[in-house]
Amino acid sequence: MGQHASLYKTARWKALRKNQLSAHPLCRYCQQMGKVIAATVVDHIEPHKGDPELFHDPDNLQSLCKGCHDRHKQRQEHRGVLAGGDEKGFPADPRHHWNR
């Protein structure tokens, strides 16, 4: 969580997290790869970097399983595209140059 850990301890965040997982209980990345895996992590699509508006924006949230958050999401933030492919072998990330 880093230097913005206090944001994750608020009642507002806990309610957002609960609503996100209730509305979107499956891992978004796994679904893109044709898998059905329960989500356990609520991730910020665009890193908030401590911006409270972006942190609390429900449109900036996605549900992920811990494995995808810890592996794929971190790699995506460093490389700019999501690693992995769909069931046909095409890149799962619509921003990948093969999908343009």
PDB file of N, CA and C in Angstrom:
ATOM      1  N   MET A   1       0.820  -1.199   0.000  1.00  0.00           N
ATOM      2  CA  MET A   1       0.000   0.000   0.000  1.00  0.00           C
ATOM      3  C   MET A   1       0.859   1.256   0.000  1.00  0.00           C
ATOM      4  N   GLY A   2       1.984   1.219   0.643  1.00  0.00           N
ATOM      5  CA  GLY A   2       2.901   2.342   0.574  1.00  0.00           C
ATOM      6  C   GLY A   2       2.495   3.532   1.413  1.00  0.00           C
ATOM      7  N   GLN A   3       2.885   4.691   0.937  1.00  0.00           N
ATOM      8  CA  GLN A   3       2.696   5.928   1.701  1.00  0.00           C
ATOM      9  C   GLN A   3       1.247   6.376   1.811  1.00  0.00           C
ATOM     10  N   HIS A   4       0.345   5.789   1.065  1.00  0.00           N
ATOM     11  CA  HIS A   4      -1.062   6.193   1.087  1.00  0.00           C
ATOM     12  C   HIS A   4      -1.923   5.167   1.831  1.00  0.00           C
ATOM     13  N   ALA A   5      -1.300   4.386   2.694  1.00  0.00           N
ATOM     14  CA  ALA A   5      -1.987   3.297   3.393  1.00  0.00           C
ATOM     15  C   ALA A   5      -3.189   3.780   4.196  1.00  0.00           C
ATOM     16  N   SER A   6      -3.147   4.992   4.713  1.00  0.00           N
ATOM     17  CA  SER A   6      -4.254   5.483   5.542  1.00  0.00           C
ATOM     18  C   SER A   6      -5.558   5.587   4.747  1.00  0.00           C
ATOM     19  N   LEU A   7      -5.471   5.814   3.434  1.00  0.00           N
ATOM     20  CA  LEU A   7      -6.685   5.889   2.615  1.00  0.00           C
ATOM     21  C   LEU A   7      -7.437   4.558   2.619  1.00  0.00           C
ATOM     22  N   TYR A   8      -6.702   3.453   2.715  1.00  0.00           N
ATOM     23  CA  TYR A   8      -7.315   2.127   2.671  1.00  0.00           C
ATOM     24  C   TYR A   8      -7.976   1.740   3.992  1.00  0.00           C
ATOM     25  N   LYS A   9      -7.761   2.522   5.033  1.00  0.00           N
ATOM     26  CA  LYS A   9      -8.320   2.213   6.349  1.00  0.00           C
ATOM     27  C   LYS A   9      -9.622   2.944   6.636  1.00  0.00           C
ATOM     28  N   THR A  10     -10.086   3.770   5.705  1.00  0.00           N
ATOM     29  CA  THR A  10     -11.281   4.580   5.944  1.00  0.00           C
ATOM     30  C   THR A  10     -12.563   3.785   5.693  1.00  0.00           C
ATOM     31  N   ALA A  11     -13.626   4.201   6.354  1.00  0.00           N
ATOM     32  CA  ALA A  11     -14.942   3.578   6.142  1.00  0.00           C
ATOM     33  C   ALA A  11     -15.394   3.777   4.691  1.00  0.00           C
ATOM     34  N   ARG A  12     -15.063   4.921   4.122  1.00  0.00           N
ATOM     35  CA  ARG A  12     -15.453   5.201   2.730  1.00  0.00           C
ATOM     36  C   ARG A  12     -14.819   4.182   1.785  1.00  0.00           C
ATOM     37  N   TRP A  13     -13.522   3.895   1.960  1.00  0.00           N
ATOM     38  CA  TRP A  13     -12.850   2.916   1.105  1.00  0.00           C
ATOM     39  C   TRP A  13     -13.442   1.519   1.324  1.00  0.00           C
ATOM     40  N   LYS A  14     -13.667   1.160   2.578  1.00  0.00           N
ATOM     41  CA  LYS A  14     -14.200  -0.167   2.871  1.00  0.00           C
ATOM     42  C   LYS A  14     -15.566  -0.373   2.222  1.00  0.00           C
ATOM     43  N   ALA A  15     -16.391   0.671   2.180  1.00  0.00           N
ATOM     44  CA  ALA A  15     -17.700   0.582   1.517  1.00  0.00           C
ATOM     45  C   ALA A  15     -17.530   0.474   0.004  1.00  0.00           C
ATOM     46  N   LEU A  16     -16.606   1.260  -0.568  1.00  0.00           N
ATOM     47  CA  LEU A  16     -16.344   1.185  -2.013  1.00  0.00           C
ATOM     48  C   LEU A  16     -15.863  -0.207  -2.395  1.00  0.00           C
ATOM     49  N   ARG A  17     -14.942  -0.739  -1.605  1.00  0.00           N
ATOM     50  CA  ARG A  17     -14.383  -2.063  -1.867  1.00  0.00           C
ATOM     51  C   ARG A  17     -15.488  -3.120  -1.831  1.00  0.00           C
ATOM     52  N   LYS A  18     -16.314  -3.062  -0.804  1.00  0.00           N
ATOM     53  CA  LYS A  18     -17.405  -4.025  -0.662  1.00  0.00           C
ATOM     54  C   LYS A  18     -18.367  -3.934  -1.850  1.00  0.00           C
ATOM     55  N   ASN A  19     -18.727  -2.719  -2.244  1.00  0.00           N
ATOM     56  CA  ASN A  19     -19.633  -2.526  -3.384  1.00  0.00           C
ATOM     57  C   ASN A  19     -19.010  -3.036  -4.676  1.00  0.00           C
ATOM     58  N   GLN A  20     -17.713  -2.789  -4.874  1.00  0.00           N
ATOM     59  CA  GLN A  20     -17.032  -3.230  -6.090  1.00  0.00           C
ATOM     60  C   GLN A  20     -17.044  -4.752  -6.193  1.00  0.00           C
ATOM     61  N   LEU A  21     -16.657  -5.426  -5.114  1.00  0.00           N
ATOM     62  CA  LEU A  21     -16.611  -6.889  -5.152  1.00  0.00           C
ATOM     63  C   LEU A  21     -18.002  -7.500  -5.248  1.00  0.00           C
ATOM     64  N   SER A  22     -19.000  -6.824  -4.713  1.00  0.00           N
ATOM     65  CA  SER A  22     -20.379  -7.308  -4.821  1.00  0.00           C
ATOM     66  C   SER A  22     -20.887  -7.181  -6.260  1.00  0.00           C
ATOM     67  N   ALA A  23     -20.615  -6.046  -6.884  1.00  0.00           N
ATOM     68  CA  ALA A  23     -21.071  -5.797  -8.255  1.00  0.00           C
ATOM     69  C   ALA A  23     -20.247  -6.567  -9.291  1.00  0.00           C
ATOM     70  N   HIS A  24     -18.957  -6.800  -8.986  1.00  0.00           N
ATOM     71  CA  HIS A  24     -18.035  -7.454  -9.931  1.00  0.00           C
ATOM     72  C   HIS A  24     -17.218  -8.494  -9.168  1.00  0.00           C
ATOM     73  N   PRO A  25     -17.825  -9.662  -8.896  1.00  0.00           N
ATOM     74  CA  PRO A  25     -17.166 -10.658  -8.036  1.00  0.00           C
ATOM     75  C   PRO A  25     -16.075 -11.481  -8.717  1.00  0.00           C
ATOM     76  N   LEU A  26     -15.932 -11.367 -10.027  1.00  0.00           N
ATOM     77  CA  LEU A  26     -14.933 -12.166 -10.745  1.00  0.00           C
ATOM     78  C   LEU A  26     -13.745 -11.309 -11.184  1.00  0.00           C
ATOM     79  N   CYS A  27     -12.588 -11.951 -11.264  1.00  0.00           N
ATOM     80  CA  CYS A  27     -11.368 -11.266 -11.687  1.00  0.00           C
ATOM     81  C   CYS A  27     -11.493 -10.824 -13.141  1.00  0.00           C
ATOM     82  N   ARG A  28     -11.304  -9.541 -13.353  1.00  0.00           N
ATOM     83  CA  ARG A  28     -11.431  -8.960 -14.692  1.00  0.00           C
ATOM     84  C   ARG A  28     -10.392  -9.532 -15.656  1.00  0.00           C
ATOM     85  N   TYR A  29      -9.155  -9.675 -15.209  1.00  0.00           N
ATOM     86  CA  TYR A  29      -8.094 -10.186 -16.087  1.00  0.00           C
ATOM     87  C   TYR A  29      -8.332 -11.649 -16.430  1.00  0.00           C
ATOM     88  N   CYS A  30      -8.727 -12.447 -15.436  1.00  0.00           N
ATOM     89  CA  CYS A  30      -9.008 -13.863 -15.701  1.00  0.00           C
ATOM     90  C   CYS A  30     -10.154 -14.003 -16.700  1.00  0.00           C
ATOM     91  N   GLN A  31     -11.182 -13.174 -16.559  1.00  0.00           N
ATOM     92  CA  GLN A  31     -12.306 -13.221 -17.502  1.00  0.00           C
ATOM     93  C   GLN A  31     -11.828 -12.932 -18.920  1.00  0.00           C
ATOM     94  N   GLN A  32     -10.905 -11.976 -19.079  1.00  0.00           N
ATOM     95  CA  GLN A  32     -10.385 -11.645 -20.406  1.00  0.00           C
ATOM     96  C   GLN A  32      -9.630 -12.824 -21.021  1.00  0.00           C
ATOM     97  N   MET A  33      -9.143 -13.737 -20.160  1.00  0.00           N
ATOM     98  CA  MET A  33      -8.411 -14.911 -20.640  1.00  0.00           C
ATOM     99  C   MET A  33      -9.298 -16.157 -20.660  1.00  0.00           C
ATOM    100  N   GLY A  34     -10.621 -15.956 -20.486  1.00  0.00           N
ATOM    101  CA  GLY A  34     -11.563 -17.060 -20.561  1.00  0.00           C
ATOM    102  C   GLY A  34     -11.665 -17.899 -19.302  1.00  0.00           C
ATOM    103  N   LYS A  35     -11.180 -17.382 -18.171  1.00  0.00           N
ATOM    104  CA  LYS A  35     -11.222 -18.111 -16.902  1.00  0.00           C
ATOM    105  C   LYS A  35     -12.256 -17.487 -15.976  1.00  0.00           C
ATOM    106  N   VAL A  36     -12.775 -18.285 -15.061  1.00  0.00           N
ATOM    107  CA  VAL A  36     -13.729 -17.803 -14.056  1.00  0.00           C
ATOM    108  C   VAL A  36     -13.079 -17.975 -12.683  1.00  0.00           C
ATOM    109  N   ILE A  37     -12.548 -16.880 -12.153  1.00  0.00           N
ATOM    110  CA  ILE A  37     -11.858 -16.892 -10.861  1.00  0.00           C
ATOM    111  C   ILE A  37     -12.434 -15.759 -10.005  1.00  0.00           C
ATOM    112  N   ALA A  38     -12.700 -16.056  -8.748  1.00  0.00           N
ATOM    113  CA  ALA A  38     -13.233 -15.043  -7.826  1.00  0.00           C
ATOM    114  C   ALA A  38     -12.207 -13.944  -7.584  1.00  0.00           C
ATOM    115  N   ALA A  39     -12.686 -12.725  -7.537  1.00  0.00           N
ATOM    116  CA  ALA A  39     -11.840 -11.571  -7.233  1.00  0.00           C
ATOM    117  C   ALA A  39     -11.756 -11.396  -5.726  1.00  0.00           C
ATOM    118  N   THR A  40     -10.585 -10.999  -5.252  1.00  0.00           N
ATOM    119  CA  THR A  40     -10.387 -10.729  -3.830  1.00  0.00           C
ATOM    120  C   THR A  40      -9.746  -9.361  -3.599  1.00  0.00           C
ATOM    121  N   VAL A  41      -9.303  -8.724  -4.676  1.00  0.00           N
ATOM    122  CA  VAL A  41      -8.602  -7.441  -4.583  1.00  0.00           C
ATOM    123  C   VAL A  41      -9.357  -6.407  -5.399  1.00  0.00           C
ATOM    124  N   VAL A  42      -9.525  -5.221  -4.837  1.00  0.00           N
ATOM    125  CA  VAL A  42     -10.079  -4.098  -5.595  1.00  0.00           C
ATOM    126  C   VAL A  42      -8.894  -3.205  -5.967  1.00  0.00           C
ATOM    127  N   ASP A  43      -8.698  -3.056  -7.266  1.00  0.00           N
ATOM    128  CA  ASP A  43      -7.531  -2.375  -7.806  1.00  0.00           C
ATOM    129  C   ASP A  43      -7.926  -1.059  -8.451  1.00  0.00           C
ATOM    130  N   HIS A  44      -7.033  -0.090  -8.356  1.00  0.00           N
ATOM    131  CA  HIS A  44      -7.228   1.183  -9.054  1.00  0.00           C
ATOM    132  C   HIS A  44      -6.673   1.039 -10.469  1.00  0.00           C
ATOM    133  N   ILE A  45      -7.519   1.233 -11.467  1.00  0.00           N
ATOM    134  CA  ILE A  45      -7.119   1.099 -12.863  1.00  0.00           C
ATOM    135  C   ILE A  45      -6.003   2.091 -13.171  1.00  0.00           C
ATOM    136  N   GLU A  46      -6.245   3.340 -12.878  1.00  0.00           N
ATOM    137  CA  GLU A  46      -5.211   4.368 -13.005  1.00  0.00           C
ATOM    138  C   GLU A  46      -4.655   4.602 -11.612  1.00  0.00           C
ATOM    139  N   PRO A  47      -3.354   4.453 -11.417  1.00  0.00           N
ATOM    140  CA  PRO A  47      -2.792   4.665 -10.075  1.00  0.00           C
ATOM    141  C   PRO A  47      -3.175   6.028  -9.507  1.00  0.00           C
ATOM    142  N   HIS A  48      -3.640   6.035  -8.275  1.00  0.00           N
ATOM    143  CA  HIS A  48      -4.162   7.274  -7.672  1.00  0.00           C
ATOM    144  C   HIS A  48      -3.066   8.181  -7.126  1.00  0.00           C
ATOM    145  N   LYS A  49      -1.924   7.618  -6.752  1.00  0.00           N
ATOM    146  CA  LYS A  49      -0.781   8.385  -6.232  1.00  0.00           C
ATOM    147  C   LYS A  49      -1.181   9.358  -5.129  1.00  0.00           C
ATOM    148  N   GLY A  50      -2.155   8.960  -4.314  1.00  0.00           N
ATOM    149  CA  GLY A  50      -2.584   9.772  -3.184  1.00  0.00           C
ATOM    150  C   GLY A  50      -3.677  10.769  -3.480  1.00  0.00           C
ATOM    151  N   ASP A  51      -4.116  10.879  -4.730  1.00  0.00           N
ATOM    152  CA  ASP A  51      -5.196  11.797  -5.094  1.00  0.00           C
ATOM    153  C   ASP A  51      -6.513  11.225  -4.565  1.00  0.00           C
ATOM    154  N   PRO A  52      -7.130  11.872  -3.554  1.00  0.00           N
ATOM    155  CA  PRO A  52      -8.342  11.303  -2.958  1.00  0.00           C
ATOM    156  C   PRO A  52      -9.513  11.189  -3.929  1.00  0.00           C
ATOM    157  N   GLU A  53      -9.623  12.090  -4.889  1.00  0.00           N
ATOM    158  CA  GLU A  53     -10.719  11.985  -5.869  1.00  0.00           C
ATOM    159  C   GLU A  53     -10.559  10.746  -6.725  1.00  0.00           C
ATOM    160  N   LEU A  54      -9.365  10.527  -7.245  1.00  0.00           N
ATOM    161  CA  LEU A  54      -9.103   9.359  -8.071  1.00  0.00           C
ATOM    162  C   LEU A  54      -9.176   8.083  -7.237  1.00  0.00           C
ATOM    163  N   PHE A  55      -8.720   8.149  -6.007  1.00  0.00           N
ATOM    164  CA  PHE A  55      -8.766   7.002  -5.102  1.00  0.00           C
ATOM    165  C   PHE A  55     -10.198   6.543  -4.877  1.00  0.00           C
ATOM    166  N   HIS A  56     -11.118   7.476  -4.683  1.00  0.00           N
ATOM    167  CA  HIS A  56     -12.512   7.147  -4.365  1.00  0.00           C
ATOM    168  C   HIS A  56     -13.431   7.092  -5.588  1.00  0.00           C
ATOM    169  N   ASP A  57     -12.902   7.221  -6.779  1.00  0.00           N
ATOM    170  CA  ASP A  57     -13.704   7.191  -8.000  1.00  0.00           C
ATOM    171  C   ASP A  57     -14.098   5.748  -8.325  1.00  0.00           C
ATOM    172  N   PRO A  58     -15.379   5.385  -8.225  1.00  0.00           N
ATOM    173  CA  PRO A  58     -15.785   4.005  -8.501  1.00  0.00           C
ATOM    174  C   PRO A  58     -15.530   3.587  -9.950  1.00  0.00           C
ATOM    175  N   ASP A  59     -15.436   4.543 -10.857  1.00  0.00           N
ATOM    176  CA  ASP A  59     -15.141   4.208 -12.255  1.00  0.00           C
ATOM    177  C   ASP A  59     -13.661   3.890 -12.465  1.00  0.00           C
ATOM    178  N   ASN A  60     -12.847   4.104 -11.447  1.00  0.00           N
ATOM    179  CA  ASN A  60     -11.416   3.810 -11.527  1.00  0.00           C
ATOM    180  C   ASN A  60     -11.076   2.508 -10.802  1.00  0.00           C
ATOM    181  N   LEU A  61     -12.071   1.697 -10.508  1.00  0.00           N
ATOM    182  CA  LEU A  61     -11.846   0.455  -9.778  1.00  0.00           C
ATOM    183  C   LEU A  61     -12.123  -0.759 -10.649  1.00  0.00           C
ATOM    184  N   GLN A  62     -11.369  -1.825 -10.384  1.00  0.00           N
ATOM    185  CA  GLN A  62     -11.610  -3.103 -11.034  1.00  0.00           C
ATOM    186  C   GLN A  62     -11.356  -4.212 -10.027  1.00  0.00           C
ATOM    187  N   SER A  63     -12.044  -5.312 -10.205  1.00  0.00           N
ATOM    188  CA  SER A  63     -11.905  -6.468  -9.324  1.00  0.00           C
ATOM    189  C   SER A  63     -10.895  -7.433  -9.937  1.00  0.00           C
ATOM    190  N   LEU A  64      -9.928  -7.862  -9.110  1.00  0.00           N
ATOM    191  CA  LEU A  64      -8.898  -8.800  -9.566  1.00  0.00           C
ATOM    192  C   LEU A  64      -8.695  -9.887  -8.516  1.00  0.00           C
ATOM    193  N   CYS A  65      -8.197 -11.037  -8.958  1.00  0.00           N
ATOM    194  CA  CYS A  65      -7.747 -12.039  -7.995  1.00  0.00           C
ATOM    195  C   CYS A  65      -6.355 -11.605  -7.525  1.00  0.00           C
ATOM    196  N   LYS A  66      -5.910 -12.136  -6.409  1.00  0.00           N
ATOM    197  CA  LYS A  66      -4.622 -11.726  -5.858  1.00  0.00           C
ATOM    198  C   LYS A  66      -3.478 -12.031  -6.819  1.00  0.00           C
ATOM    199  N   GLY A  67      -3.537 -13.174  -7.474  1.00  0.00           N
ATOM    200  CA  GLY A  67      -2.479 -13.546  -8.415  1.00  0.00           C
ATOM    201  C   GLY A  67      -2.341 -12.554  -9.553  1.00  0.00           C
ATOM    202  N   CYS A  68      -3.457 -12.170 -10.153  1.00  0.00           N
ATOM    203  CA  CYS A  68      -3.404 -11.201 -11.257  1.00  0.00           C
ATOM    204  C   CYS A  68      -2.946  -9.838 -10.762  1.00  0.00           C
ATOM    205  N   HIS A  69      -3.409  -9.432  -9.589  1.00  0.00           N
ATOM    206  CA  HIS A  69      -2.983  -8.137  -9.059  1.00  0.00           C
ATOM    207  C   HIS A  69      -1.484  -8.124  -8.800  1.00  0.00           C
ATOM    208  N   ASP A  70      -0.986  -9.179  -8.189  1.00  0.00           N
ATOM    209  CA  ASP A  70       0.420  -9.200  -7.796  1.00  0.00           C
ATOM    210  C   ASP A  70       1.358  -9.429  -8.968  1.00  0.00           C
ATOM    211  N   ARG A  71       0.904 -10.142 -10.000  1.00  0.00           N
ATOM    212  CA  ARG A  71       1.777 -10.419 -11.147  1.00  0.00           C
ATOM    213  C   ARG A  71       1.459  -9.506 -12.330  1.00  0.00           C
ATOM    214  N   HIS A  72       0.299  -9.704 -12.914  1.00  0.00           N
ATOM    215  CA  HIS A  72      -0.030  -9.041 -14.169  1.00  0.00           C
ATOM    216  C   HIS A  72      -0.194  -7.536 -14.024  1.00  0.00           C
ATOM    217  N   LYS A  73      -0.882  -7.099 -12.988  1.00  0.00           N
ATOM    218  CA  LYS A  73      -1.119  -5.657 -12.824  1.00  0.00           C
ATOM    219  C   LYS A  73       0.198  -4.912 -12.588  1.00  0.00           C
ATOM    220  N   GLN A  74       1.078  -5.483 -11.777  1.00  0.00           N
ATOM    221  CA  GLN A  74       2.360  -4.833 -11.508  1.00  0.00           C
ATOM    222  C   GLN A  74       3.188  -4.756 -12.794  1.00  0.00           C
ATOM    223  N   ARG A  75       3.177  -5.830 -13.569  1.00  0.00           N
ATOM    224  CA  ARG A  75       3.901  -5.845 -14.841  1.00  0.00           C
ATOM    225  C   ARG A  75       3.299  -4.821 -15.804  1.00  0.00           C
ATOM    226  N   GLN A  76       1.974  -4.712 -15.807  1.00  0.00           N
ATOM    227  CA  GLN A  76       1.296  -3.745 -16.674  1.00  0.00           C
ATOM    228  C   GLN A  76       1.723  -2.319 -16.324  1.00  0.00           C
ATOM    229  N   GLU A  77       1.806  -2.018 -15.039  1.00  0.00           N
ATOM    230  CA  GLU A  77       2.186  -0.671 -14.626  1.00  0.00           C
ATOM    231  C   GLU A  77       3.614  -0.350 -15.044  1.00  0.00           C
ATOM    232  N   HIS A  78       4.481  -1.364 -15.074  1.00  0.00           N
ATOM    233  CA  HIS A  78       5.875  -1.126 -15.461  1.00  0.00           C
ATOM    234  C   HIS A  78       6.056  -1.087 -16.972  1.00  0.00           C
ATOM    235  N   ARG A  79       5.324  -1.926 -17.719  1.00  0.00           N
ATOM    236  CA  ARG A  79       5.494  -2.028 -19.174  1.00  0.00           C
ATOM    237  C   ARG A  79       4.482  -1.212 -19.976  1.00  0.00           C
ATOM    238  N   GLY A  80       3.357  -0.897 -19.372  1.00  0.00           N
ATOM    239  CA  GLY A  80       2.344  -0.122 -20.078  1.00  0.00           C
ATOM    240  C   GLY A  80       1.262  -0.955 -20.730  1.00  0.00           C
ATOM    241  N   VAL A  81       1.420  -2.285 -20.795  1.00  0.00           N
ATOM    242  CA  VAL A  81       0.392  -3.170 -21.345  1.00  0.00           C
ATOM    243  C   VAL A  81       0.265  -4.389 -20.451  1.00  0.00           C
ATOM    244  N   LEU A  82      -0.904  -5.000 -20.478  1.00  0.00           N
ATOM    245  CA  LEU A  82      -1.189  -6.197 -19.695  1.00  0.00           C
ATOM    246  C   LEU A  82      -0.607  -7.409 -20.399  1.00  0.00           C
ATOM    247  N   ALA A  83       0.138  -8.223 -19.658  1.00  0.00           N
ATOM    248  CA  ALA A  83       0.675  -9.462 -20.211  1.00  0.00           C
ATOM    249  C   ALA A  83      -0.427 -10.510 -20.273  1.00  0.00           C
ATOM    250  N   GLY A  84      -0.256 -11.490 -21.149  1.00  0.00           N
ATOM    251  CA  GLY A  84      -1.205 -12.593 -21.227  1.00  0.00           C
ATOM    252  C   GLY A  84      -2.098 -12.489 -22.441  1.00  0.00           C
ATOM    253  N   GLY A  85      -2.747 -13.605 -22.733  1.00  0.00           N
ATOM    254  CA  GLY A  85      -3.599 -13.644 -23.910  1.00  0.00           C
ATOM    255  C   GLY A  85      -4.938 -14.277 -23.621  1.00  0.00           C
ATOM    256  N   ASP A  86      -5.827 -14.155 -24.599  1.00  0.00           N
ATOM    257  CA  ASP A  86      -7.146 -14.760 -24.463  1.00  0.00           C
ATOM    258  C   ASP A  86      -7.083 -16.226 -24.872  1.00  0.00           C
ATOM    259  N   GLU A  87      -8.241 -16.885 -24.927  1.00  0.00           N
ATOM    260  CA  GLU A  87      -8.276 -18.309 -25.251  1.00  0.00           C
ATOM    261  C   GLU A  87      -7.798 -18.621 -26.671  1.00  0.00           C
ATOM    262  N   LYS A  88      -7.747 -17.621 -27.555  1.00  0.00           N
ATOM    263  CA  LYS A  88      -7.265 -17.812 -28.927  1.00  0.00           C
ATOM    264  C   LYS A  88      -5.792 -17.450 -29.074  1.00  0.00           C
ATOM    265  N   GLY A  89      -5.182 -16.962 -27.992  1.00  0.00           N
ATOM    266  CA  GLY A  89      -3.772 -16.611 -28.038  1.00  0.00           C
ATOM    267  C   GLY A  89      -3.490 -15.164 -28.379  1.00  0.00           C
ATOM    268  N   PHE A  90      -4.531 -14.352 -28.561  1.00  0.00           N
ATOM    269  CA  PHE A  90      -4.336 -12.940 -28.857  1.00  0.00           C
ATOM    270  C   PHE A  90      -4.103 -12.169 -27.554  1.00  0.00           C
ATOM    271  N   PRO A  91      -3.348 -11.079 -27.607  1.00  0.00           N
ATOM    272  CA  PRO A  91      -3.098 -10.305 -26.393  1.00  0.00           C
ATOM    273  C   PRO A  91      -4.406  -9.871 -25.738  1.00  0.00           C
ATOM    274  N   ALA A  92      -4.482 -10.050 -24.414  1.00  0.00           N
ATOM    275  CA  ALA A  92      -5.688  -9.704 -23.662  1.00  0.00           C
ATOM    276  C   ALA A  92      -5.870  -8.199 -23.534  1.00  0.00           C
ATOM    277  N   ASP A  93      -4.787  -7.459 -23.557  1.00  0.00           N
ATOM    278  CA  ASP A  93      -4.850  -6.011 -23.365  1.00  0.00           C
ATOM    279  C   ASP A  93      -5.215  -5.317 -24.677  1.00  0.00           C
ATOM    280  N   PRO A  94      -6.340  -4.584 -24.705  1.00  0.00           N
ATOM    281  CA  PRO A  94      -6.734  -3.898 -25.938  1.00  0.00           C
ATOM    282  C   PRO A  94      -5.728  -2.825 -26.350  1.00  0.00           C
ATOM    283  N   ARG A  95      -4.857  -2.384 -25.429  1.00  0.00           N
ATOM    284  CA  ARG A  95      -3.847  -1.379 -25.782  1.00  0.00           C
ATOM    285  C   ARG A  95      -2.601  -1.994 -26.419  1.00  0.00           C
ATOM    286  N   HIS A  96      -2.516  -3.319 -26.434  1.00  0.00           N
ATOM    287  CA  HIS A  96      -1.369  -3.987 -27.033  1.00  0.00           C
ATOM    288  C   HIS A  96      -1.324  -3.636 -28.522  1.00  0.00           C
ATOM    289  N   HIS A  97      -0.127  -3.443 -29.070  1.00  0.00           N
ATOM    290  CA  HIS A  97      -0.008  -3.008 -30.468  1.00  0.00           C
ATOM    291  C   HIS A  97      -0.609  -3.993 -31.461  1.00  0.00           C
ATOM    292  N   TRP A  98      -0.726  -5.275 -31.138  1.00  0.00           N
ATOM    293  CA  TRP A  98      -1.358  -6.227 -32.033  1.00  0.00           C
ATOM    294  C   TRP A  98      -2.862  -6.030 -32.126  1.00  0.00           C
ATOM    295  N   ASN A  99      -3.452  -5.344 -31.162  1.00  0.00           N
ATOM    296  CA  ASN A  99      -4.892  -5.116 -31.145  1.00  0.00           C
ATOM    297  C   ASN A  99      -5.283  -3.749 -31.722  1.00  0.00           C
ATOM    298  N   ARG A 100      -4.354  -3.069 -32.319  1.00  0.00           N
ATOM    299  CA  ARG A 100      -4.665  -1.740 -32.879  1.00  0.00           C
ATOM    300  C   ARG A 100      -4.914  -1.827 -34.355  1.00  0.00           C
TER     301      ARG A 100
END
